Amino acid sequence: MIRLSDARSYLTRWFKQHLRTLRLIVAAISIGLLIFIVRLSLFGDRITWQVTLIFAPFSEDALKLGITLILLVVTFPRMKSVGGAGRQDLIRRTRIALVLLPLVTGCIFALVEPPAVTGFLFHMASTGLAFAVCLYAWRRWSPLTGLLLGLVVGALVHFFMNTAYYWPLSPRGLYQFAAALVLLIAAVLALWCTSRQEPASDVASEFFPRAAWNGCG
C-alpha cells in the first residue's frame, strides 16, 4: 500500500525534475489557446485565408509542441539510477524517443482531420522540424526562446503546406504529397541529428537518467 507521504515525496521529485518542461508545456498550450481565442473573436467559424495561413499554423503548432512535451514527461516520469551496463542502452532509447514522439504527436493531430496520407505526412513534418529546432535552440538559448523558435519553424512549414489550397494545380495532388514527404524526411534527419547531441541542454537533460547523463560526457 502506497503511503501518502511516499506519494507526496514522489510528486515533489517529479515536479522538480520536470520543472522546466512543465513551464514550457504551460507556455506552449497557453500560446496555442490564446491564438485560437483571438481567431474566434475575429473570424468566428469562418475559414478565411487569414485563418488558414496565419492563425491555424501558429495555434496548432504551439499545441503540437505542448503535447510532444507532455508525451516526453509521461514517457520519462522520473530519473533513475542506472548502472554502467545499461547506461548507453538507456541513452539510446531516450534519444530514439526524442525522434519518435514528435512524429506521434503529428499523427494525433492528423487523426482529427479527414483521413489523407498527405495530411499525416505534413503534420509529422511540421511537428518534427519544430521540435528539432527546439532541441537545437535549447543548447544555445533559454528554454522559452527555443520554444518560440521551434514554433515559428513549425508554423512556417504548416503555412507552406496550407498554401496548397491556393496552388493552381490540384490541392490534394502529387505535388503536395511529394512536398510533404520531402519535409518529413528532413524532419526525421533533423530530429536524429539533434537528438544524438543530447543530453546537452537543461530541458532535454530532464528526460535522461541522472547516472546516464553524468556519464555521457
N, C-alpha and C. Protein backbone atom coordinates (compact mmCIF):
# COMPACT_ATOMS: atom_id res chain seq x y z
N MET A 1 0.84 -1.20 0.00
CA MET A 1 0.00 0.00 0.00
C MET A 1 0.88 1.25 0.00
N ILE A 2 0.57 2.18 -0.89
CA ILE A 2 1.38 3.39 -1.00
C ILE A 2 0.94 4.40 0.05
N ARG A 3 1.87 4.85 0.85
CA ARG A 3 1.56 5.83 1.87
C ARG A 3 1.47 7.22 1.25
N LEU A 4 0.69 8.09 1.92
CA LEU A 4 0.50 9.45 1.42
C LEU A 4 1.82 10.21 1.38
N SER A 5 2.67 9.99 2.37
CA SER A 5 3.96 10.68 2.41
C SER A 5 4.85 10.24 1.25
N ASP A 6 4.78 8.94 0.87
CA ASP A 6 5.57 8.46 -0.26
C ASP A 6 5.08 9.07 -1.57
N ALA A 7 3.76 9.16 -1.72
CA ALA A 7 3.20 9.76 -2.93
C ALA A 7 3.57 11.23 -3.03
N ARG A 8 3.51 11.93 -1.90
CA ARG A 8 3.88 13.34 -1.89
C ARG A 8 5.36 13.52 -2.22
N SER A 9 6.19 12.64 -1.69
CA SER A 9 7.62 12.72 -1.98
C SER A 9 7.91 12.45 -3.46
N TYR A 10 7.20 11.47 -4.03
CA TYR A 10 7.38 11.15 -5.44
C TYR A 10 6.97 12.33 -6.32
N LEU A 11 5.80 12.93 -6.03
CA LEU A 11 5.33 14.05 -6.83
C LEU A 11 6.27 15.25 -6.72
N THR A 12 6.82 15.45 -5.52
CA THR A 12 7.76 16.56 -5.34
C THR A 12 9.00 16.37 -6.19
N ARG A 13 9.54 15.14 -6.19
CA ARG A 13 10.72 14.85 -7.03
C ARG A 13 10.38 14.98 -8.51
N TRP A 14 9.17 14.53 -8.88
CA TRP A 14 8.74 14.59 -10.27
C TRP A 14 8.65 16.03 -10.75
N PHE A 15 8.04 16.90 -9.94
CA PHE A 15 7.92 18.31 -10.32
C PHE A 15 9.29 18.98 -10.39
N LYS A 16 10.17 18.65 -9.47
CA LYS A 16 11.49 19.25 -9.50
C LYS A 16 12.27 18.81 -10.74
N GLN A 17 12.12 17.55 -11.10
CA GLN A 17 12.84 17.05 -12.27
C GLN A 17 12.36 17.71 -13.55
N HIS A 18 11.04 17.87 -13.68
CA HIS A 18 10.46 18.34 -14.94
C HIS A 18 10.00 19.79 -14.87
N LEU A 19 10.60 20.58 -13.99
CA LEU A 19 10.12 21.94 -13.79
C LEU A 19 10.21 22.77 -15.07
N ARG A 20 11.34 22.71 -15.75
CA ARG A 20 11.48 23.49 -17.00
C ARG A 20 10.49 23.01 -18.05
N THR A 21 10.35 21.70 -18.16
CA THR A 21 9.44 21.15 -19.16
C THR A 21 8.00 21.53 -18.87
N LEU A 22 7.60 21.47 -17.61
CA LEU A 22 6.23 21.83 -17.24
C LEU A 22 5.95 23.29 -17.55
N ARG A 23 6.92 24.15 -17.32
CA ARG A 23 6.74 25.56 -17.67
C ARG A 23 6.57 25.73 -19.18
N LEU A 24 7.34 24.99 -19.96
CA LEU A 24 7.22 25.07 -21.41
C LEU A 24 5.88 24.53 -21.89
N ILE A 25 5.39 23.47 -21.23
CA ILE A 25 4.07 22.93 -21.59
C ILE A 25 2.99 23.99 -21.38
N VAL A 26 3.03 24.64 -20.23
CA VAL A 26 2.06 25.70 -19.94
C VAL A 26 2.18 26.83 -20.95
N ALA A 27 3.41 27.21 -21.28
CA ALA A 27 3.62 28.29 -22.24
C ALA A 27 3.09 27.92 -23.62
N ALA A 28 3.42 26.71 -24.09
CA ALA A 28 3.00 26.29 -25.43
C ALA A 28 1.49 26.20 -25.54
N ILE A 29 0.84 25.57 -24.57
CA ILE A 29 -0.62 25.44 -24.62
C ILE A 29 -1.29 26.79 -24.47
N SER A 30 -0.73 27.65 -23.63
CA SER A 30 -1.31 28.99 -23.46
C SER A 30 -1.23 29.78 -24.75
N ILE A 31 -0.09 29.71 -25.44
CA ILE A 31 0.05 30.42 -26.71
C ILE A 31 -0.95 29.89 -27.73
N GLY A 32 -1.05 28.56 -27.83
CA GLY A 32 -1.98 27.97 -28.79
C GLY A 32 -3.42 28.37 -28.52
N LEU A 33 -3.84 28.31 -27.24
CA LEU A 33 -5.22 28.66 -26.90
C LEU A 33 -5.48 30.15 -27.08
N LEU A 34 -4.50 30.99 -26.75
CA LEU A 34 -4.67 32.44 -26.91
C LEU A 34 -4.87 32.80 -28.38
N ILE A 35 -4.04 32.23 -29.25
CA ILE A 35 -4.19 32.50 -30.69
C ILE A 35 -5.54 31.99 -31.19
N PHE A 36 -5.97 30.83 -30.69
CA PHE A 36 -7.26 30.28 -31.10
C PHE A 36 -8.41 31.18 -30.66
N ILE A 37 -8.32 31.72 -29.44
CA ILE A 37 -9.37 32.62 -28.95
C ILE A 37 -9.43 33.90 -29.77
N VAL A 38 -8.25 34.45 -30.10
CA VAL A 38 -8.22 35.65 -30.94
C VAL A 38 -8.82 35.35 -32.30
N ARG A 39 -8.50 34.19 -32.85
CA ARG A 39 -9.07 33.80 -34.15
C ARG A 39 -10.59 33.75 -34.08
N LEU A 40 -11.13 33.12 -33.03
CA LEU A 40 -12.58 33.03 -32.91
C LEU A 40 -13.23 34.40 -32.75
N SER A 41 -12.58 35.27 -32.00
CA SER A 41 -13.15 36.60 -31.79
C SER A 41 -13.15 37.43 -33.06
N LEU A 42 -12.19 37.18 -33.95
CA LEU A 42 -12.09 37.96 -35.18
C LEU A 42 -12.90 37.37 -36.33
N PHE A 43 -12.90 36.04 -36.44
CA PHE A 43 -13.48 35.40 -37.62
C PHE A 43 -14.61 34.42 -37.29
N GLY A 44 -14.80 34.08 -36.03
CA GLY A 44 -15.81 33.09 -35.70
C GLY A 44 -15.47 31.74 -36.29
N ASP A 45 -16.46 31.08 -36.89
CA ASP A 45 -16.25 29.77 -37.50
C ASP A 45 -15.85 29.86 -38.97
N ARG A 46 -15.72 31.06 -39.50
CA ARG A 46 -15.39 31.21 -40.91
C ARG A 46 -13.96 30.76 -41.19
N ILE A 47 -13.76 30.11 -42.33
CA ILE A 47 -12.43 29.69 -42.77
C ILE A 47 -11.97 30.67 -43.85
N THR A 48 -11.14 31.61 -43.47
CA THR A 48 -10.63 32.61 -44.41
C THR A 48 -9.15 32.34 -44.65
N TRP A 49 -8.56 33.10 -45.57
CA TRP A 49 -7.13 32.90 -45.82
C TRP A 49 -6.29 33.31 -44.61
N GLN A 50 -6.78 34.28 -43.83
CA GLN A 50 -6.05 34.66 -42.62
C GLN A 50 -6.02 33.51 -41.62
N VAL A 51 -7.14 32.82 -41.49
CA VAL A 51 -7.21 31.68 -40.58
C VAL A 51 -6.32 30.55 -41.08
N THR A 52 -6.43 30.24 -42.37
CA THR A 52 -5.69 29.11 -42.94
C THR A 52 -4.19 29.33 -42.92
N LEU A 53 -3.74 30.54 -43.21
CA LEU A 53 -2.31 30.79 -43.41
C LEU A 53 -1.61 31.41 -42.21
N ILE A 54 -2.36 31.97 -41.26
CA ILE A 54 -1.71 32.66 -40.13
C ILE A 54 -2.12 32.05 -38.79
N PHE A 55 -3.41 32.12 -38.47
CA PHE A 55 -3.85 31.72 -37.14
C PHE A 55 -3.75 30.21 -36.91
N ALA A 56 -4.21 29.42 -37.88
CA ALA A 56 -4.18 27.96 -37.70
C ALA A 56 -2.76 27.41 -37.54
N PRO A 57 -1.80 27.83 -38.38
CA PRO A 57 -0.43 27.29 -38.20
C PRO A 57 0.15 27.56 -36.82
N PHE A 58 0.05 28.80 -36.34
CA PHE A 58 0.65 29.12 -35.04
C PHE A 58 -0.12 28.47 -33.88
N SER A 59 -1.44 28.46 -33.97
CA SER A 59 -2.22 27.86 -32.90
C SER A 59 -1.98 26.36 -32.81
N GLU A 60 -2.09 25.67 -33.93
CA GLU A 60 -1.94 24.22 -33.92
C GLU A 60 -0.53 23.78 -33.57
N ASP A 61 0.48 24.47 -34.10
CA ASP A 61 1.86 24.03 -33.83
C ASP A 61 2.30 24.34 -32.41
N ALA A 62 1.74 25.36 -31.80
CA ALA A 62 2.01 25.58 -30.38
C ALA A 62 1.45 24.41 -29.56
N LEU A 63 0.23 23.98 -29.90
CA LEU A 63 -0.36 22.84 -29.20
C LEU A 63 0.42 21.55 -29.48
N LYS A 64 0.93 21.41 -30.70
CA LYS A 64 1.72 20.22 -31.03
C LYS A 64 2.97 20.14 -30.16
N LEU A 65 3.65 21.26 -29.98
CA LEU A 65 4.84 21.25 -29.13
C LEU A 65 4.48 20.95 -27.68
N GLY A 66 3.36 21.50 -27.23
CA GLY A 66 2.93 21.21 -25.87
C GLY A 66 2.62 19.74 -25.66
N ILE A 67 1.93 19.12 -26.61
CA ILE A 67 1.60 17.70 -26.49
C ILE A 67 2.86 16.84 -26.59
N THR A 68 3.79 17.22 -27.45
CA THR A 68 5.06 16.48 -27.54
C THR A 68 5.78 16.47 -26.20
N LEU A 69 5.82 17.61 -25.55
CA LEU A 69 6.47 17.68 -24.23
C LEU A 69 5.70 16.88 -23.19
N ILE A 70 4.37 16.87 -23.29
CA ILE A 70 3.58 16.05 -22.36
C ILE A 70 3.91 14.57 -22.55
N LEU A 71 4.00 14.13 -23.80
CA LEU A 71 4.35 12.73 -24.07
C LEU A 71 5.73 12.39 -23.51
N LEU A 72 6.66 13.31 -23.61
CA LEU A 72 8.00 13.07 -23.07
C LEU A 72 7.97 12.96 -21.55
N VAL A 73 7.19 13.83 -20.91
CA VAL A 73 7.10 13.78 -19.45
C VAL A 73 6.46 12.48 -18.99
N VAL A 74 5.44 12.02 -19.73
CA VAL A 74 4.78 10.76 -19.37
C VAL A 74 5.70 9.58 -19.62
N THR A 75 6.47 9.63 -20.71
CA THR A 75 7.37 8.52 -21.05
C THR A 75 8.52 8.43 -20.07
N PHE A 76 9.00 9.58 -19.59
CA PHE A 76 10.13 9.60 -18.65
C PHE A 76 9.68 10.28 -17.37
N PRO A 77 8.92 9.56 -16.51
CA PRO A 77 8.31 10.19 -15.34
C PRO A 77 9.31 10.61 -14.28
N ARG A 78 10.46 9.98 -14.21
CA ARG A 78 11.43 10.37 -13.18
C ARG A 78 12.81 9.87 -13.57
N MET A 79 13.84 10.43 -12.97
CA MET A 79 15.20 9.97 -13.18
C MET A 79 15.46 8.72 -12.36
N LYS A 80 16.16 7.80 -12.95
CA LYS A 80 16.52 6.57 -12.27
C LYS A 80 18.03 6.42 -12.23
N SER A 81 18.51 5.78 -11.20
CA SER A 81 19.92 5.45 -11.14
C SER A 81 20.17 4.21 -11.99
N VAL A 82 21.09 4.32 -12.91
CA VAL A 82 21.35 3.23 -13.83
C VAL A 82 22.82 2.84 -13.74
N GLY A 83 23.06 1.53 -13.66
CA GLY A 83 24.43 1.04 -13.63
C GLY A 83 25.11 1.19 -14.98
N GLY A 84 26.41 0.98 -14.98
CA GLY A 84 27.17 1.18 -16.20
C GLY A 84 26.77 0.27 -17.34
N ALA A 85 26.29 -0.93 -17.04
CA ALA A 85 25.97 -1.89 -18.10
C ALA A 85 24.81 -1.40 -18.97
N GLY A 86 23.79 -0.80 -18.35
CA GLY A 86 22.63 -0.37 -19.12
C GLY A 86 22.61 1.09 -19.49
N ARG A 87 23.71 1.77 -19.19
CA ARG A 87 23.73 3.23 -19.36
C ARG A 87 23.55 3.64 -20.81
N GLN A 88 24.40 3.11 -21.69
CA GLN A 88 24.34 3.51 -23.09
C GLN A 88 23.05 3.07 -23.76
N ASP A 89 22.53 1.92 -23.36
CA ASP A 89 21.27 1.45 -23.94
C ASP A 89 20.13 2.38 -23.58
N LEU A 90 20.10 2.87 -22.34
CA LEU A 90 19.04 3.78 -21.92
C LEU A 90 19.17 5.14 -22.60
N ILE A 91 20.40 5.59 -22.79
CA ILE A 91 20.62 6.84 -23.52
C ILE A 91 20.10 6.70 -24.94
N ARG A 92 20.40 5.56 -25.57
CA ARG A 92 19.97 5.34 -26.95
C ARG A 92 18.45 5.32 -27.05
N ARG A 93 17.79 4.66 -26.11
CA ARG A 93 16.33 4.59 -26.14
C ARG A 93 15.70 5.97 -25.92
N THR A 94 16.31 6.77 -25.07
CA THR A 94 15.79 8.11 -24.84
C THR A 94 15.94 8.97 -26.08
N ARG A 95 17.07 8.85 -26.76
CA ARG A 95 17.27 9.61 -28.00
C ARG A 95 16.29 9.18 -29.09
N ILE A 96 15.99 7.90 -29.14
CA ILE A 96 15.01 7.42 -30.13
C ILE A 96 13.63 8.01 -29.81
N ALA A 97 13.30 8.11 -28.53
CA ALA A 97 12.02 8.71 -28.15
C ALA A 97 11.94 10.17 -28.56
N LEU A 98 13.07 10.88 -28.49
CA LEU A 98 13.09 12.28 -28.93
C LEU A 98 12.80 12.41 -30.41
N VAL A 99 13.07 11.35 -31.17
CA VAL A 99 12.77 11.35 -32.60
C VAL A 99 11.32 10.94 -32.85
N LEU A 100 10.86 9.89 -32.16
CA LEU A 100 9.56 9.31 -32.47
C LEU A 100 8.38 10.08 -31.89
N LEU A 101 8.49 10.61 -30.69
CA LEU A 101 7.32 11.22 -30.05
C LEU A 101 6.80 12.46 -30.78
N PRO A 102 7.66 13.32 -31.36
CA PRO A 102 7.09 14.42 -32.17
C PRO A 102 6.30 13.90 -33.36
N LEU A 103 6.74 12.79 -33.96
CA LEU A 103 6.01 12.22 -35.09
C LEU A 103 4.68 11.64 -34.62
N VAL A 104 4.65 11.05 -33.43
CA VAL A 104 3.41 10.54 -32.87
C VAL A 104 2.41 11.70 -32.66
N THR A 105 2.92 12.82 -32.17
CA THR A 105 2.06 14.00 -31.99
C THR A 105 1.46 14.43 -33.32
N GLY A 106 2.28 14.45 -34.37
CA GLY A 106 1.76 14.81 -35.68
C GLY A 106 0.65 13.88 -36.13
N CYS A 107 0.80 12.58 -35.87
CA CYS A 107 -0.24 11.61 -36.22
C CYS A 107 -1.52 11.87 -35.44
N ILE A 108 -1.39 12.25 -34.17
CA ILE A 108 -2.57 12.54 -33.36
C ILE A 108 -3.37 13.68 -33.97
N PHE A 109 -2.67 14.73 -34.39
CA PHE A 109 -3.37 15.87 -34.99
C PHE A 109 -3.96 15.50 -36.35
N ALA A 110 -3.29 14.63 -37.09
CA ALA A 110 -3.82 14.23 -38.39
C ALA A 110 -5.10 13.42 -38.24
N LEU A 111 -5.27 12.73 -37.11
CA LEU A 111 -6.45 11.89 -36.91
C LEU A 111 -7.73 12.70 -36.72
N VAL A 112 -7.60 13.97 -36.33
CA VAL A 112 -8.80 14.79 -36.12
C VAL A 112 -9.25 15.46 -37.41
N GLU A 113 -8.55 15.21 -38.50
CA GLU A 113 -8.91 15.75 -39.80
C GLU A 113 -9.40 14.62 -40.70
N PRO A 114 -10.03 14.95 -41.84
CA PRO A 114 -10.39 13.90 -42.79
C PRO A 114 -9.16 13.09 -43.19
N PRO A 115 -9.24 11.76 -43.20
CA PRO A 115 -8.06 10.93 -43.44
C PRO A 115 -7.43 11.19 -44.80
N ALA A 116 -6.13 11.45 -44.79
CA ALA A 116 -5.37 11.67 -46.02
C ALA A 116 -3.90 11.43 -45.71
N VAL A 117 -3.24 10.70 -46.58
CA VAL A 117 -1.82 10.39 -46.38
C VAL A 117 -1.01 11.67 -46.31
N THR A 118 -1.31 12.61 -47.20
CA THR A 118 -0.58 13.87 -47.21
C THR A 118 -0.73 14.61 -45.88
N GLY A 119 -1.92 14.54 -45.30
CA GLY A 119 -2.14 15.19 -44.02
C GLY A 119 -1.26 14.61 -42.92
N PHE A 120 -1.16 13.28 -42.88
CA PHE A 120 -0.29 12.63 -41.89
C PHE A 120 1.16 13.06 -42.09
N LEU A 121 1.61 13.06 -43.34
CA LEU A 121 2.99 13.41 -43.62
C LEU A 121 3.29 14.85 -43.20
N PHE A 122 2.40 15.75 -43.53
CA PHE A 122 2.69 17.16 -43.27
C PHE A 122 2.59 17.49 -41.78
N HIS A 123 1.66 16.87 -41.05
CA HIS A 123 1.59 17.12 -39.61
C HIS A 123 2.83 16.56 -38.90
N MET A 124 3.29 15.38 -39.32
CA MET A 124 4.51 14.84 -38.73
C MET A 124 5.72 15.70 -39.08
N ALA A 125 5.75 16.22 -40.31
CA ALA A 125 6.87 17.05 -40.73
C ALA A 125 6.93 18.35 -39.95
N SER A 126 5.79 19.02 -39.79
CA SER A 126 5.78 20.31 -39.08
C SER A 126 6.17 20.13 -37.62
N THR A 127 5.63 19.08 -36.98
CA THR A 127 5.97 18.84 -35.58
C THR A 127 7.43 18.43 -35.43
N GLY A 128 7.90 17.56 -36.33
CA GLY A 128 9.29 17.10 -36.24
C GLY A 128 10.29 18.21 -36.45
N LEU A 129 10.09 19.04 -37.45
CA LEU A 129 11.01 20.15 -37.69
C LEU A 129 10.96 21.16 -36.56
N ALA A 130 9.76 21.43 -36.04
CA ALA A 130 9.64 22.37 -34.92
C ALA A 130 10.39 21.87 -33.70
N PHE A 131 10.23 20.59 -33.36
CA PHE A 131 10.89 20.08 -32.16
C PHE A 131 12.39 19.95 -32.36
N ALA A 132 12.82 19.65 -33.58
CA ALA A 132 14.26 19.60 -33.86
C ALA A 132 14.90 20.97 -33.63
N VAL A 133 14.21 22.02 -34.06
CA VAL A 133 14.71 23.38 -33.82
C VAL A 133 14.74 23.68 -32.32
N CYS A 134 13.72 23.21 -31.60
CA CYS A 134 13.71 23.39 -30.14
C CYS A 134 14.94 22.75 -29.50
N LEU A 135 15.21 21.49 -29.86
CA LEU A 135 16.37 20.80 -29.30
C LEU A 135 17.67 21.54 -29.60
N TYR A 136 17.78 22.03 -30.83
CA TYR A 136 18.99 22.77 -31.22
C TYR A 136 19.09 24.09 -30.45
N ALA A 137 17.97 24.80 -30.34
CA ALA A 137 17.99 26.12 -29.71
C ALA A 137 18.17 26.03 -28.20
N TRP A 138 17.65 24.97 -27.58
CA TRP A 138 17.78 24.85 -26.13
C TRP A 138 19.22 24.70 -25.70
N ARG A 139 20.09 24.25 -26.58
CA ARG A 139 21.51 24.13 -26.23
C ARG A 139 22.21 25.48 -26.26
N ARG A 140 21.55 26.50 -26.81
CA ARG A 140 22.21 27.78 -27.01
C ARG A 140 21.51 28.95 -26.33
N TRP A 141 20.20 28.86 -26.18
CA TRP A 141 19.44 29.96 -25.61
C TRP A 141 18.50 29.45 -24.53
N SER A 142 17.67 30.34 -24.03
CA SER A 142 16.76 29.98 -22.94
C SER A 142 15.69 29.02 -23.42
N PRO A 143 15.07 28.28 -22.49
CA PRO A 143 14.00 27.35 -22.89
C PRO A 143 12.86 28.02 -23.65
N LEU A 144 12.42 29.20 -23.21
CA LEU A 144 11.32 29.88 -23.88
C LEU A 144 11.72 30.33 -25.28
N THR A 145 12.95 30.83 -25.42
CA THR A 145 13.42 31.23 -26.75
C THR A 145 13.45 30.04 -27.69
N GLY A 146 13.92 28.91 -27.20
CA GLY A 146 13.94 27.70 -28.03
C GLY A 146 12.54 27.28 -28.44
N LEU A 147 11.60 27.36 -27.51
CA LEU A 147 10.21 27.01 -27.82
C LEU A 147 9.64 27.92 -28.90
N LEU A 148 9.89 29.22 -28.78
CA LEU A 148 9.35 30.17 -29.75
C LEU A 148 9.98 29.98 -31.13
N LEU A 149 11.28 29.71 -31.17
CA LEU A 149 11.93 29.45 -32.46
C LEU A 149 11.35 28.20 -33.12
N GLY A 150 11.16 27.14 -32.32
CA GLY A 150 10.55 25.93 -32.86
C GLY A 150 9.14 26.18 -33.35
N LEU A 151 8.38 26.99 -32.62
CA LEU A 151 7.02 27.33 -33.03
C LEU A 151 7.01 28.05 -34.37
N VAL A 152 7.93 28.99 -34.55
CA VAL A 152 7.99 29.74 -35.81
C VAL A 152 8.29 28.81 -36.98
N VAL A 153 9.25 27.90 -36.80
CA VAL A 153 9.59 26.96 -37.88
C VAL A 153 8.42 26.03 -38.18
N GLY A 154 7.81 25.48 -37.14
CA GLY A 154 6.66 24.61 -37.36
C GLY A 154 5.52 25.33 -38.06
N ALA A 155 5.26 26.57 -37.66
CA ALA A 155 4.19 27.34 -38.28
C ALA A 155 4.51 27.66 -39.74
N LEU A 156 5.78 27.90 -40.05
CA LEU A 156 6.16 28.16 -41.44
C LEU A 156 5.94 26.93 -42.31
N VAL A 157 6.28 25.75 -41.79
CA VAL A 157 6.02 24.52 -42.53
C VAL A 157 4.52 24.33 -42.72
N HIS A 158 3.77 24.58 -41.66
CA HIS A 158 2.31 24.49 -41.71
C HIS A 158 1.75 25.48 -42.73
N PHE A 159 2.28 26.71 -42.70
CA PHE A 159 1.87 27.74 -43.65
C PHE A 159 2.13 27.30 -45.09
N PHE A 160 3.31 26.75 -45.33
CA PHE A 160 3.67 26.30 -46.68
C PHE A 160 2.71 25.23 -47.17
N MET A 161 2.41 24.26 -46.33
CA MET A 161 1.52 23.19 -46.76
C MET A 161 0.08 23.68 -46.92
N ASN A 162 -0.33 24.64 -46.10
CA ASN A 162 -1.69 25.16 -46.23
C ASN A 162 -1.87 25.99 -47.50
N THR A 163 -0.77 26.51 -48.04
CA THR A 163 -0.89 27.24 -49.31
C THR A 163 -1.30 26.30 -50.44
N ALA A 164 -1.24 24.99 -50.20
CA ALA A 164 -1.66 24.03 -51.22
C ALA A 164 -3.11 24.26 -51.64
N TYR A 165 -3.91 24.82 -50.73
CA TYR A 165 -5.30 25.09 -51.08
C TYR A 165 -5.42 26.20 -52.13
N TYR A 166 -4.34 26.95 -52.30
CA TYR A 166 -4.37 28.06 -53.25
C TYR A 166 -3.44 27.82 -54.44
N TRP A 167 -2.82 26.62 -54.48
CA TRP A 167 -1.97 26.31 -55.63
C TRP A 167 -2.84 26.16 -56.88
N PRO A 168 -2.30 26.51 -58.07
CA PRO A 168 -3.11 26.41 -59.28
C PRO A 168 -3.44 24.97 -59.68
N LEU A 169 -2.61 24.01 -59.21
CA LEU A 169 -2.89 22.61 -59.51
C LEU A 169 -3.83 22.02 -58.46
N SER A 170 -4.05 20.74 -58.56
CA SER A 170 -4.96 20.08 -57.62
C SER A 170 -4.49 20.27 -56.18
N PRO A 171 -5.36 20.74 -55.27
CA PRO A 171 -4.94 21.00 -53.89
C PRO A 171 -4.57 19.74 -53.13
N ARG A 172 -4.89 18.56 -53.64
CA ARG A 172 -4.53 17.32 -52.95
C ARG A 172 -3.81 16.37 -53.93
N GLY A 173 -3.01 16.95 -54.79
CA GLY A 173 -2.38 16.17 -55.83
C GLY A 173 -0.99 15.68 -55.48
N LEU A 174 -0.27 15.21 -56.50
CA LEU A 174 1.04 14.60 -56.32
C LEU A 174 2.07 15.59 -55.79
N TYR A 175 1.98 16.85 -56.19
CA TYR A 175 2.97 17.83 -55.76
C TYR A 175 2.90 18.05 -54.24
N GLN A 176 1.71 18.11 -53.71
CA GLN A 176 1.56 18.28 -52.27
C GLN A 176 2.10 17.06 -51.51
N PHE A 177 1.82 15.88 -52.04
CA PHE A 177 2.33 14.65 -51.40
C PHE A 177 3.85 14.63 -51.41
N ALA A 178 4.44 14.99 -52.55
CA ALA A 178 5.90 14.99 -52.66
C ALA A 178 6.52 16.01 -51.71
N ALA A 179 5.90 17.19 -51.63
CA ALA A 179 6.44 18.22 -50.73
C ALA A 179 6.36 17.77 -49.28
N ALA A 180 5.23 17.16 -48.89
CA ALA A 180 5.08 16.68 -47.51
C ALA A 180 6.07 15.57 -47.20
N LEU A 181 6.31 14.69 -48.16
CA LEU A 181 7.25 13.58 -47.95
C LEU A 181 8.67 14.10 -47.78
N VAL A 182 9.07 15.05 -48.62
CA VAL A 182 10.41 15.63 -48.51
C VAL A 182 10.58 16.33 -47.15
N LEU A 183 9.58 17.06 -46.73
CA LEU A 183 9.64 17.75 -45.44
C LEU A 183 9.72 16.75 -44.28
N LEU A 184 8.99 15.64 -44.39
CA LEU A 184 9.04 14.63 -43.34
C LEU A 184 10.42 13.99 -43.26
N ILE A 185 11.01 13.69 -44.40
CA ILE A 185 12.37 13.13 -44.40
C ILE A 185 13.34 14.11 -43.76
N ALA A 186 13.20 15.40 -44.10
CA ALA A 186 14.06 16.42 -43.49
C ALA A 186 13.84 16.49 -41.99
N ALA A 187 12.58 16.34 -41.56
CA ALA A 187 12.28 16.39 -40.13
C ALA A 187 12.92 15.22 -39.38
N VAL A 188 12.83 14.02 -39.94
CA VAL A 188 13.41 12.85 -39.29
C VAL A 188 14.93 12.99 -39.19
N LEU A 189 15.56 13.46 -40.26
CA LEU A 189 17.01 13.66 -40.25
C LEU A 189 17.40 14.71 -39.23
N ALA A 190 16.64 15.82 -39.17
CA ALA A 190 16.94 16.87 -38.22
C ALA A 190 16.77 16.38 -36.78
N LEU A 191 15.71 15.63 -36.53
CA LEU A 191 15.50 15.08 -35.19
C LEU A 191 16.60 14.11 -34.80
N TRP A 192 17.01 13.28 -35.75
CA TRP A 192 18.06 12.30 -35.47
C TRP A 192 19.38 13.00 -35.14
N CYS A 193 19.72 14.02 -35.92
CA CYS A 193 20.98 14.73 -35.69
C CYS A 193 20.97 15.49 -34.36
N THR A 194 19.86 16.16 -34.06
CA THR A 194 19.82 16.93 -32.82
C THR A 194 19.71 16.03 -31.60
N SER A 195 18.97 14.93 -31.71
CA SER A 195 18.82 14.03 -30.55
C SER A 195 20.13 13.35 -30.20
N ARG A 196 20.99 13.12 -31.19
CA ARG A 196 22.28 12.49 -30.92
C ARG A 196 23.20 13.37 -30.09
N GLN A 197 22.91 14.67 -30.04
CA GLN A 197 23.71 15.59 -29.24
C GLN A 197 23.23 15.67 -27.79
N GLU A 198 22.08 15.09 -27.53
CA GLU A 198 21.51 15.18 -26.18
C GLU A 198 22.01 14.04 -25.30
N PRO A 199 22.04 14.28 -23.97
CA PRO A 199 21.53 15.45 -23.25
C PRO A 199 22.57 16.55 -23.13
N ALA A 200 22.37 17.64 -23.85
CA ALA A 200 23.29 18.77 -23.82
C ALA A 200 22.60 20.05 -23.37
N SER A 201 21.30 20.02 -23.20
CA SER A 201 20.57 21.20 -22.75
C SER A 201 19.87 20.90 -21.43
N ASP A 202 19.53 21.96 -20.71
CA ASP A 202 18.86 21.78 -19.43
C ASP A 202 17.49 21.13 -19.59
N VAL A 203 16.81 21.47 -20.70
CA VAL A 203 15.47 20.91 -20.91
C VAL A 203 15.56 19.42 -21.22
N ALA A 204 16.37 19.05 -22.22
CA ALA A 204 16.45 17.64 -22.63
C ALA A 204 17.03 16.77 -21.53
N SER A 205 17.90 17.32 -20.69
CA SER A 205 18.51 16.52 -19.63
C SER A 205 17.48 16.03 -18.62
N GLU A 206 16.29 16.66 -18.59
CA GLU A 206 15.25 16.22 -17.66
C GLU A 206 14.66 14.87 -18.04
N PHE A 207 14.92 14.40 -19.26
CA PHE A 207 14.37 13.13 -19.72
C PHE A 207 15.40 12.00 -19.67
N PHE A 208 16.64 12.32 -19.32
CA PHE A 208 17.69 11.31 -19.26
C PHE A 208 17.95 10.93 -17.81
N PRO A 209 18.20 9.66 -17.56
CA PRO A 209 18.55 9.22 -16.20
C PRO A 209 19.78 9.96 -15.70
N ARG A 210 19.77 10.29 -14.44
CA ARG A 210 20.85 11.10 -13.88
C ARG A 210 22.19 10.42 -14.04
N ALA A 211 22.26 9.12 -13.75
CA ALA A 211 23.54 8.43 -13.85
C ALA A 211 24.03 8.38 -15.29
N ALA A 212 23.10 8.15 -16.24
CA ALA A 212 23.47 8.09 -17.64
C ALA A 212 23.93 9.43 -18.14
N TRP A 213 23.25 10.52 -17.69
CA TRP A 213 23.62 11.85 -18.13
C TRP A 213 25.01 12.24 -17.63
N ASN A 214 25.28 11.95 -16.35
CA ASN A 214 26.57 12.31 -15.79
C ASN A 214 27.70 11.57 -16.45
N GLY A 215 27.43 10.38 -16.98
CA GLY A 215 28.49 9.62 -17.59
C GLY A 215 28.57 9.77 -19.09
N CYS A 216 27.70 10.63 -19.64
CA CYS A 216 27.66 10.74 -21.09
C CYS A 216 28.82 11.52 -21.63
N GLY A 217 29.18 12.56 -20.93
CA GLY A 217 30.33 13.37 -21.35
C GLY A 217 29.95 14.43 -22.30
